[in-house]
Amino acid sequence: MQTFPVFSQLNDKAVNVRFTVPEIAVVDIEPALNNVEFAISASDQPGAEPVVEQLSEESLWINYSSAIRPNSNKRKIVAQISEGEIPAGIAFFIEASAATPFGSANQGNSLGRVQMTKDPRPIISGIGSCYTGDGVNMGHELKYSIEITDFSKIESAGDQVFTVMYTISDN
């Protein structure tokens, strides 16, 4: 067997790749068409406190995506009454559950049961670059409740409607 020297020429080419990731802050409530309904009715016992019932059965979920700049503050989600009025003598509360295990790391933390007003109130904090997944059973389940705080201020009325607005923002 005879050997021959082999020569080769090295020729490299390079391509520069550039991309950007913009800051992202998106929030959604699932399912899309939803209403939360409560009823206050008289007790069947004379002189007893009225009964507060949640009539709507469907769970609501808050989903979000967030991309923050390096070394930026984390984000939060605030809720507030944006339209309508909470009737006098009634307090309205929202509680976000712990985040589901779907999505990515750096999801936010629930701040527990928070009373709603027209002023923005944080319900989830510590949101980094993350996503929760999209749809029901993703993100944080939202639990709504009302309490009678002063029965002397409650007046008989038809449907009372108010809107809750959710906003994701920097801390």
N, C-alpha and C. Protein backbone atom coordinates (compact mmCIF):
# COMPACT_ATOMS: atom_id res chain seq x y z
N MET A 1 0.83 -1.17 0.00
CA MET A 1 0.00 0.00 0.00
C MET A 1 0.88 1.24 0.00
N GLN A 2 0.56 2.10 -0.84
CA GLN A 2 1.34 3.30 -1.00
C GLN A 2 0.56 4.48 -0.43
N THR A 3 1.22 5.41 0.22
CA THR A 3 0.56 6.60 0.78
C THR A 3 0.95 7.82 -0.02
N PHE A 4 -0.04 8.74 -0.10
CA PHE A 4 0.19 9.98 -0.82
C PHE A 4 -0.17 11.14 0.09
N PRO A 5 0.57 12.17 0.09
CA PRO A 5 0.18 13.32 0.90
C PRO A 5 -1.08 13.97 0.30
N VAL A 6 -1.95 14.42 1.18
CA VAL A 6 -3.19 15.05 0.76
C VAL A 6 -3.15 16.50 1.26
N PHE A 7 -3.56 17.40 0.42
CA PHE A 7 -3.62 18.80 0.78
C PHE A 7 -5.06 19.27 0.67
N SER A 8 -5.45 20.11 1.61
CA SER A 8 -6.79 20.68 1.51
C SER A 8 -6.70 22.17 1.82
N GLN A 9 -7.72 22.85 1.43
CA GLN A 9 -7.76 24.28 1.68
C GLN A 9 -8.92 24.55 2.62
N LEU A 10 -8.65 25.26 3.66
CA LEU A 10 -9.68 25.60 4.63
C LEU A 10 -10.33 26.90 4.20
N ASN A 11 -11.66 26.88 4.08
CA ASN A 11 -12.38 28.06 3.64
C ASN A 11 -13.62 28.21 4.52
N ASP A 12 -13.62 29.14 5.44
CA ASP A 12 -14.74 29.36 6.35
C ASP A 12 -15.55 30.57 5.89
N LYS A 13 -16.83 30.47 6.10
CA LYS A 13 -17.72 31.59 5.87
C LYS A 13 -18.51 31.83 7.15
N ALA A 14 -18.83 33.04 7.42
CA ALA A 14 -19.59 33.37 8.63
C ALA A 14 -20.80 34.23 8.24
N VAL A 15 -21.83 34.07 8.99
CA VAL A 15 -23.04 34.86 8.79
C VAL A 15 -23.38 35.53 10.11
N ASN A 16 -23.59 36.79 10.09
CA ASN A 16 -24.03 37.49 11.29
C ASN A 16 -25.54 37.38 11.40
N VAL A 17 -26.00 37.00 12.55
CA VAL A 17 -27.44 36.89 12.80
C VAL A 17 -27.79 37.91 13.87
N ARG A 18 -28.80 38.68 13.60
CA ARG A 18 -29.22 39.69 14.56
C ARG A 18 -30.71 39.53 14.80
N PHE A 19 -31.11 39.65 16.05
CA PHE A 19 -32.53 39.64 16.37
C PHE A 19 -32.74 40.46 17.63
N THR A 20 -33.94 40.88 17.82
CA THR A 20 -34.28 41.62 19.02
C THR A 20 -35.51 40.97 19.65
N VAL A 21 -35.57 41.07 20.94
CA VAL A 21 -36.74 40.63 21.69
C VAL A 21 -37.31 41.87 22.35
N PRO A 22 -38.46 42.32 21.91
CA PRO A 22 -39.02 43.53 22.51
C PRO A 22 -39.55 43.23 23.91
N GLU A 23 -39.74 44.28 24.70
CA GLU A 23 -40.41 44.09 25.97
C GLU A 23 -41.84 43.66 25.66
N ILE A 24 -42.33 42.71 26.42
CA ILE A 24 -43.68 42.20 26.22
C ILE A 24 -44.43 42.29 27.54
N ALA A 25 -45.67 42.72 27.48
CA ALA A 25 -46.53 42.75 28.66
C ALA A 25 -47.97 42.58 28.17
N VAL A 26 -48.47 41.36 28.22
CA VAL A 26 -49.81 41.05 27.70
C VAL A 26 -50.57 40.30 28.77
N VAL A 27 -51.84 40.68 28.98
CA VAL A 27 -52.69 40.02 29.98
C VAL A 27 -54.03 39.68 29.34
N ASP A 28 -54.63 38.57 29.78
CA ASP A 28 -55.89 38.10 29.20
C ASP A 28 -56.70 37.39 30.28
N ILE A 29 -58.02 37.42 30.15
CA ILE A 29 -58.91 36.68 31.05
C ILE A 29 -59.59 35.59 30.22
N GLU A 30 -59.60 34.39 30.73
CA GLU A 30 -60.21 33.24 30.04
C GLU A 30 -61.26 32.60 30.93
N PRO A 31 -62.36 32.11 30.41
CA PRO A 31 -62.77 32.21 29.02
C PRO A 31 -63.14 33.65 28.67
N ALA A 32 -63.16 33.92 27.37
CA ALA A 32 -63.30 35.30 26.89
C ALA A 32 -64.65 35.93 27.24
N LEU A 33 -65.73 35.22 27.06
CA LEU A 33 -67.05 35.78 27.36
C LEU A 33 -67.45 35.31 28.75
N ASN A 34 -67.42 36.24 29.69
CA ASN A 34 -67.67 35.83 31.06
C ASN A 34 -68.35 36.92 31.86
N ASN A 35 -69.10 36.50 32.84
CA ASN A 35 -69.71 37.39 33.82
C ASN A 35 -69.66 36.69 35.16
N VAL A 36 -69.47 37.45 36.19
CA VAL A 36 -69.53 36.92 37.55
C VAL A 36 -70.80 37.48 38.16
N GLU A 37 -71.66 36.62 38.68
CA GLU A 37 -72.95 37.06 39.21
C GLU A 37 -73.12 36.62 40.66
N PHE A 38 -73.60 37.56 41.46
CA PHE A 38 -73.90 37.31 42.87
C PHE A 38 -75.36 37.68 43.13
N ALA A 39 -75.90 37.11 44.18
CA ALA A 39 -77.24 37.49 44.63
C ALA A 39 -77.21 37.62 46.15
N ILE A 40 -77.92 38.61 46.64
CA ILE A 40 -78.11 38.76 48.08
C ILE A 40 -79.59 38.54 48.31
N SER A 41 -79.90 37.56 49.14
CA SER A 41 -81.31 37.26 49.40
C SER A 41 -81.54 37.13 50.90
N ALA A 42 -82.80 37.20 51.27
CA ALA A 42 -83.16 37.10 52.68
C ALA A 42 -82.96 35.66 53.16
N SER A 43 -82.58 35.53 54.40
CA SER A 43 -82.46 34.21 55.02
C SER A 43 -83.86 33.64 55.23
N ASP A 44 -83.95 32.33 55.33
CA ASP A 44 -85.25 31.72 55.63
C ASP A 44 -85.58 31.80 57.12
N GLN A 45 -84.66 32.34 57.91
CA GLN A 45 -84.88 32.53 59.34
C GLN A 45 -85.16 34.00 59.63
N PRO A 46 -86.27 34.33 60.24
CA PRO A 46 -86.56 35.74 60.55
C PRO A 46 -85.45 36.35 61.41
N GLY A 47 -85.03 37.53 61.04
CA GLY A 47 -84.01 38.25 61.81
C GLY A 47 -82.59 37.80 61.53
N ALA A 48 -82.40 36.82 60.66
CA ALA A 48 -81.04 36.34 60.36
C ALA A 48 -80.39 37.19 59.29
N GLU A 49 -79.09 37.11 59.25
CA GLU A 49 -78.31 37.85 58.27
C GLU A 49 -78.67 37.39 56.86
N PRO A 50 -78.65 38.31 55.86
CA PRO A 50 -78.94 37.92 54.48
C PRO A 50 -77.91 36.91 53.96
N VAL A 51 -78.29 36.20 52.92
CA VAL A 51 -77.43 35.17 52.34
C VAL A 51 -76.81 35.73 51.06
N VAL A 52 -75.49 35.60 50.94
CA VAL A 52 -74.76 36.01 49.74
C VAL A 52 -74.41 34.76 48.97
N GLU A 53 -74.81 34.70 47.70
CA GLU A 53 -74.54 33.54 46.86
C GLU A 53 -73.84 33.97 45.59
N GLN A 54 -72.87 33.16 45.15
CA GLN A 54 -72.29 33.37 43.83
C GLN A 54 -73.08 32.49 42.87
N LEU A 55 -73.76 33.10 41.90
CA LEU A 55 -74.62 32.37 40.98
C LEU A 55 -73.85 31.79 39.81
N SER A 56 -72.77 32.44 39.39
CA SER A 56 -72.00 31.94 38.24
C SER A 56 -71.10 30.80 38.69
N GLU A 57 -71.04 29.78 37.87
CA GLU A 57 -70.28 28.58 38.20
C GLU A 57 -68.91 28.52 37.54
N GLU A 58 -68.75 29.23 36.45
CA GLU A 58 -67.55 29.10 35.63
C GLU A 58 -66.34 29.76 36.29
N SER A 59 -65.20 29.08 36.24
CA SER A 59 -63.95 29.64 36.76
C SER A 59 -63.36 30.59 35.73
N LEU A 60 -62.75 31.65 36.21
CA LEU A 60 -62.04 32.58 35.34
C LEU A 60 -60.55 32.48 35.65
N TRP A 61 -59.76 32.62 34.60
CA TRP A 61 -58.31 32.49 34.71
C TRP A 61 -57.63 33.70 34.10
N ILE A 62 -56.56 34.17 34.76
CA ILE A 62 -55.78 35.27 34.20
C ILE A 62 -54.50 34.68 33.62
N ASN A 63 -54.27 34.94 32.33
CA ASN A 63 -53.07 34.48 31.61
C ASN A 63 -52.24 35.72 31.27
N TYR A 64 -50.92 35.55 31.22
CA TYR A 64 -50.07 36.68 30.84
C TYR A 64 -48.76 36.20 30.26
N SER A 65 -48.15 37.08 29.48
CA SER A 65 -46.80 36.90 28.94
C SER A 65 -46.02 38.16 29.28
N SER A 66 -44.75 37.99 29.60
CA SER A 66 -43.92 39.12 30.00
C SER A 66 -42.48 38.88 29.57
N ALA A 67 -41.88 39.87 28.94
CA ALA A 67 -40.44 39.85 28.67
C ALA A 67 -39.91 41.19 29.17
N ILE A 68 -38.98 41.13 30.12
CA ILE A 68 -38.44 42.36 30.70
C ILE A 68 -36.98 42.53 30.28
N ARG A 69 -36.51 43.74 30.36
CA ARG A 69 -35.10 44.02 30.05
C ARG A 69 -34.21 43.46 31.15
N PRO A 70 -32.95 43.16 30.81
CA PRO A 70 -32.03 42.69 31.86
C PRO A 70 -31.94 43.72 32.99
N ASN A 71 -31.88 43.24 34.19
CA ASN A 71 -31.76 44.06 35.39
C ASN A 71 -32.94 45.01 35.61
N SER A 72 -34.08 44.73 34.98
CA SER A 72 -35.27 45.55 35.19
C SER A 72 -36.03 45.07 36.41
N ASN A 73 -36.89 45.95 36.90
CA ASN A 73 -37.79 45.56 37.98
C ASN A 73 -38.78 44.54 37.45
N LYS A 74 -39.27 43.72 38.34
CA LYS A 74 -40.30 42.77 37.95
C LYS A 74 -41.62 43.51 37.76
N ARG A 75 -42.60 42.80 37.23
CA ARG A 75 -43.90 43.40 36.94
C ARG A 75 -44.94 42.95 37.95
N LYS A 76 -46.11 43.59 37.84
CA LYS A 76 -47.24 43.24 38.69
C LYS A 76 -48.51 43.35 37.86
N ILE A 77 -49.56 42.70 38.34
CA ILE A 77 -50.89 42.86 37.76
C ILE A 77 -51.75 43.53 38.80
N VAL A 78 -52.40 44.62 38.37
CA VAL A 78 -53.32 45.34 39.24
C VAL A 78 -54.74 45.18 38.71
N ALA A 79 -55.69 45.28 39.61
CA ALA A 79 -57.11 45.23 39.23
C ALA A 79 -57.78 46.44 39.85
N GLN A 80 -58.83 46.91 39.17
CA GLN A 80 -59.59 48.05 39.69
C GLN A 80 -60.97 48.06 39.07
N ILE A 81 -61.90 48.72 39.74
CA ILE A 81 -63.23 48.92 39.18
C ILE A 81 -63.11 50.06 38.18
N SER A 82 -63.33 49.76 36.90
CA SER A 82 -63.15 50.78 35.86
C SER A 82 -64.46 51.40 35.40
N GLU A 83 -65.57 50.71 35.57
CA GLU A 83 -66.88 51.25 35.19
C GLU A 83 -67.90 50.79 36.22
N GLY A 84 -68.88 51.63 36.49
CA GLY A 84 -69.92 51.28 37.44
C GLY A 84 -69.47 51.50 38.87
N GLU A 85 -70.34 51.13 39.79
CA GLU A 85 -70.09 51.35 41.21
C GLU A 85 -70.40 50.08 42.00
N ILE A 86 -69.60 49.81 43.01
CA ILE A 86 -69.95 48.76 43.96
C ILE A 86 -71.01 49.35 44.86
N PRO A 87 -72.14 48.68 45.04
CA PRO A 87 -73.21 49.25 45.87
C PRO A 87 -72.74 49.54 47.30
N ALA A 88 -73.29 50.58 47.89
CA ALA A 88 -72.96 50.95 49.27
C ALA A 88 -73.28 49.77 50.19
N GLY A 89 -72.44 49.58 51.19
CA GLY A 89 -72.64 48.53 52.18
C GLY A 89 -72.09 47.18 51.76
N ILE A 90 -71.46 47.11 50.57
CA ILE A 90 -70.92 45.84 50.06
C ILE A 90 -69.44 46.02 49.74
N ALA A 91 -68.64 45.03 50.07
CA ALA A 91 -67.22 45.00 49.70
C ALA A 91 -67.03 43.86 48.69
N PHE A 92 -66.22 44.12 47.67
CA PHE A 92 -65.95 43.16 46.61
C PHE A 92 -64.47 42.79 46.65
N PHE A 93 -64.17 41.49 46.57
CA PHE A 93 -62.80 40.99 46.69
C PHE A 93 -62.43 40.11 45.50
N ILE A 94 -61.13 40.13 45.16
CA ILE A 94 -60.56 39.22 44.17
C ILE A 94 -59.36 38.55 44.80
N GLU A 95 -59.24 37.25 44.54
CA GLU A 95 -58.07 36.50 44.99
C GLU A 95 -57.56 35.66 43.83
N ALA A 96 -56.28 35.84 43.49
CA ALA A 96 -55.64 35.03 42.47
C ALA A 96 -55.01 33.83 43.15
N SER A 97 -55.19 32.64 42.56
CA SER A 97 -54.56 31.43 43.11
C SER A 97 -53.06 31.47 42.81
N ALA A 98 -52.33 30.52 43.34
CA ALA A 98 -50.94 30.34 42.94
C ALA A 98 -50.93 29.97 41.46
N ALA A 99 -49.85 30.29 40.78
CA ALA A 99 -49.74 29.99 39.35
C ALA A 99 -49.74 28.47 39.13
N THR A 100 -50.38 28.06 38.04
CA THR A 100 -50.37 26.64 37.68
C THR A 100 -48.97 26.26 37.21
N PRO A 101 -48.64 24.95 37.18
CA PRO A 101 -47.29 24.54 36.79
C PRO A 101 -47.02 24.60 35.28
N PHE A 102 -47.99 25.03 34.49
CA PHE A 102 -47.78 25.15 33.06
C PHE A 102 -47.02 26.43 32.77
N GLY A 103 -46.58 26.62 31.56
CA GLY A 103 -45.88 27.84 31.21
C GLY A 103 -44.41 27.75 31.58
N SER A 104 -43.83 28.87 31.97
CA SER A 104 -42.40 28.93 32.24
C SER A 104 -42.13 29.38 33.67
N ALA A 105 -40.87 29.44 34.00
CA ALA A 105 -40.46 29.95 35.31
C ALA A 105 -40.68 31.46 35.36
N ASN A 106 -40.55 32.05 36.53
CA ASN A 106 -40.64 33.49 36.78
C ASN A 106 -42.06 34.04 36.74
N GLN A 107 -43.06 33.16 36.88
CA GLN A 107 -44.43 33.66 36.99
C GLN A 107 -44.58 34.37 38.32
N GLY A 108 -45.61 35.19 38.42
CA GLY A 108 -45.81 36.00 39.61
C GLY A 108 -46.41 35.25 40.77
N ASN A 109 -46.52 35.96 41.89
CA ASN A 109 -47.05 35.42 43.13
C ASN A 109 -48.34 36.15 43.51
N SER A 110 -49.32 35.39 43.93
CA SER A 110 -50.58 35.97 44.38
C SER A 110 -50.36 36.80 45.63
N LEU A 111 -51.09 37.90 45.73
CA LEU A 111 -51.03 38.73 46.93
C LEU A 111 -52.21 38.45 47.85
N GLY A 112 -52.90 37.32 47.59
CA GLY A 112 -54.00 36.92 48.47
C GLY A 112 -55.30 37.63 48.11
N ARG A 113 -56.19 37.69 49.06
CA ARG A 113 -57.52 38.29 48.88
C ARG A 113 -57.39 39.81 48.99
N VAL A 114 -57.80 40.51 47.92
CA VAL A 114 -57.62 41.95 47.85
C VAL A 114 -58.98 42.61 47.60
N GLN A 115 -59.30 43.63 48.42
CA GLN A 115 -60.55 44.36 48.23
C GLN A 115 -60.40 45.33 47.06
N MET A 116 -61.39 45.34 46.17
CA MET A 116 -61.36 46.17 44.98
C MET A 116 -62.03 47.52 45.21
N THR A 117 -61.46 48.54 44.57
CA THR A 117 -62.01 49.89 44.56
C THR A 117 -61.76 50.45 43.16
N LYS A 118 -61.99 51.72 42.98
CA LYS A 118 -61.68 52.38 41.70
C LYS A 118 -60.19 52.62 41.55
N ASP A 119 -59.43 52.51 42.64
CA ASP A 119 -57.97 52.67 42.58
C ASP A 119 -57.33 51.33 42.25
N PRO A 120 -56.27 51.32 41.42
CA PRO A 120 -55.60 50.06 41.09
C PRO A 120 -55.00 49.41 42.34
N ARG A 121 -55.27 48.12 42.50
CA ARG A 121 -54.74 47.36 43.63
C ARG A 121 -53.98 46.14 43.10
N PRO A 122 -52.73 45.94 43.52
CA PRO A 122 -51.97 44.77 43.05
C PRO A 122 -52.62 43.47 43.53
N ILE A 123 -52.72 42.50 42.61
CA ILE A 123 -53.21 41.16 42.97
C ILE A 123 -52.16 40.09 42.71
N ILE A 124 -51.19 40.37 41.81
CA ILE A 124 -50.08 39.45 41.51
C ILE A 124 -48.83 40.30 41.39
N SER A 125 -47.73 39.87 42.01
CA SER A 125 -46.47 40.62 41.92
C SER A 125 -45.33 39.67 41.59
N GLY A 126 -44.15 40.24 41.33
CA GLY A 126 -42.95 39.45 41.10
C GLY A 126 -42.91 38.75 39.75
N ILE A 127 -43.53 39.34 38.73
CA ILE A 127 -43.56 38.72 37.40
C ILE A 127 -42.28 39.08 36.66
N GLY A 128 -41.54 38.05 36.26
CA GLY A 128 -40.32 38.25 35.47
C GLY A 128 -40.61 37.96 34.01
N SER A 129 -39.60 37.55 33.27
CA SER A 129 -39.79 37.12 31.89
C SER A 129 -40.39 35.73 31.93
N CYS A 130 -41.63 35.61 31.46
CA CYS A 130 -42.35 34.34 31.59
C CYS A 130 -43.59 34.32 30.71
N TYR A 131 -44.21 33.16 30.67
CA TYR A 131 -45.55 33.02 30.10
C TYR A 131 -46.29 31.98 30.93
N THR A 132 -47.61 32.10 30.98
CA THR A 132 -48.41 31.20 31.82
C THR A 132 -49.09 30.10 31.04
N GLY A 133 -49.09 30.18 29.73
CA GLY A 133 -49.95 29.34 28.92
C GLY A 133 -51.23 30.12 28.68
N ASP A 134 -52.00 29.69 27.69
CA ASP A 134 -53.18 30.44 27.29
C ASP A 134 -54.42 29.57 27.45
N GLY A 135 -55.41 30.09 28.16
CA GLY A 135 -56.69 29.39 28.26
C GLY A 135 -57.06 29.07 29.69
N VAL A 136 -58.17 28.35 29.80
CA VAL A 136 -58.68 27.91 31.10
C VAL A 136 -57.69 26.91 31.70
N ASN A 137 -57.56 26.94 33.00
CA ASN A 137 -56.62 26.09 33.75
C ASN A 137 -55.16 26.46 33.52
N MET A 138 -54.90 27.66 33.04
CA MET A 138 -53.54 28.17 32.85
C MET A 138 -53.41 29.49 33.61
N GLY A 139 -52.25 29.78 34.12
CA GLY A 139 -52.03 31.04 34.83
C GLY A 139 -52.55 30.95 36.26
N HIS A 140 -53.36 31.91 36.65
CA HIS A 140 -53.90 31.99 38.01
C HIS A 140 -55.43 31.96 37.93
N GLU A 141 -56.05 31.12 38.73
CA GLU A 141 -57.51 31.15 38.81
C GLU A 141 -57.91 32.36 39.64
N LEU A 142 -58.96 33.04 39.20
CA LEU A 142 -59.46 34.21 39.92
C LEU A 142 -60.71 33.83 40.70
N LYS A 143 -60.70 34.14 41.99
CA LYS A 143 -61.86 33.88 42.85
C LYS A 143 -62.43 35.22 43.28
N TYR A 144 -63.74 35.35 43.11
CA TYR A 144 -64.44 36.59 43.43
C TYR A 144 -65.35 36.35 44.62
N SER A 145 -65.47 37.35 45.48
CA SER A 145 -66.39 37.24 46.60
C SER A 145 -66.89 38.63 46.99
N ILE A 146 -68.06 38.65 47.60
CA ILE A 146 -68.60 39.89 48.15
C ILE A 146 -68.98 39.64 49.60
N GLU A 147 -68.96 40.72 50.35
CA GLU A 147 -69.37 40.67 51.76
C GLU A 147 -70.25 41.88 52.04
N ILE A 148 -71.21 41.68 52.89
CA ILE A 148 -72.01 42.81 53.37
C ILE A 148 -71.23 43.44 54.51
N THR A 149 -70.87 44.70 54.34
CA THR A 149 -70.09 45.40 55.36
C THR A 149 -70.95 46.29 56.24
N ASP A 150 -72.06 46.79 55.69
CA ASP A 150 -72.95 47.66 56.46
C ASP A 150 -74.36 47.51 55.89
N PHE A 151 -75.14 46.64 56.51
CA PHE A 151 -76.48 46.36 55.97
C PHE A 151 -77.37 47.60 55.97
N SER A 152 -77.11 48.54 56.86
CA SER A 152 -77.95 49.74 56.92
C SER A 152 -77.80 50.60 55.66
N LYS A 153 -76.73 50.41 54.88
CA LYS A 153 -76.52 51.18 53.66
C LYS A 153 -77.06 50.48 52.41
N ILE A 154 -77.49 49.24 52.55
CA ILE A 154 -77.95 48.49 51.38
C ILE A 154 -79.37 48.90 51.05
N GLU A 155 -79.59 49.20 49.77
CA GLU A 155 -80.91 49.57 49.30
C GLU A 155 -81.34 48.59 48.22
N SER A 156 -82.63 48.31 48.19
CA SER A 156 -83.17 47.42 47.17
C SER A 156 -82.98 48.07 45.80
N ALA A 157 -82.48 47.30 44.87
CA ALA A 157 -82.25 47.82 43.52
C ALA A 157 -82.24 46.66 42.55
N GLY A 158 -82.36 46.99 41.27
CA GLY A 158 -82.23 45.98 40.22
C GLY A 158 -80.77 45.58 40.09
N ASP A 159 -80.43 45.04 38.95
CA ASP A 159 -79.04 44.62 38.72
C ASP A 159 -78.08 45.79 38.89
N GLN A 160 -77.04 45.56 39.62
CA GLN A 160 -75.94 46.51 39.78
C GLN A 160 -74.76 45.91 39.01
N VAL A 161 -74.24 46.62 38.05
CA VAL A 161 -73.17 46.10 37.20
C VAL A 161 -71.95 46.99 37.33
N PHE A 162 -70.78 46.38 37.49
CA PHE A 162 -69.53 47.11 37.45
C PHE A 162 -68.50 46.25 36.73
N THR A 163 -67.46 46.89 36.20
CA THR A 163 -66.44 46.23 35.39
C THR A 163 -65.12 46.25 36.13
N VAL A 164 -64.41 45.11 36.10
CA VAL A 164 -63.08 45.02 36.67
C VAL A 164 -62.07 45.03 35.52
N MET A 165 -61.08 45.92 35.61
CA MET A 165 -60.03 46.01 34.60
C MET A 165 -58.72 45.50 35.20
N TYR A 166 -58.01 44.67 34.42
CA TYR A 166 -56.71 44.13 34.83
C TYR A 166 -55.63 44.75 33.98
N THR A 167 -54.52 45.15 34.60
CA THR A 167 -53.40 45.79 33.89
C THR A 167 -52.09 45.17 34.38
N ILE A 168 -51.21 44.81 33.43
CA ILE A 168 -49.87 44.36 33.79
C ILE A 168 -48.93 45.53 33.57
N SER A 169 -48.08 45.82 34.55
CA SER A 169 -47.20 46.98 34.45
C SER A 169 -45.93 46.75 35.25
N ASP A 170 -44.95 47.61 35.04
CA ASP A 170 -43.70 47.55 35.80
C ASP A 170 -43.99 47.95 37.24
N ASN A 171 -43.21 47.39 38.16
CA ASN A 171 -43.34 47.77 39.57
C ASN A 171 -42.89 49.19 39.78
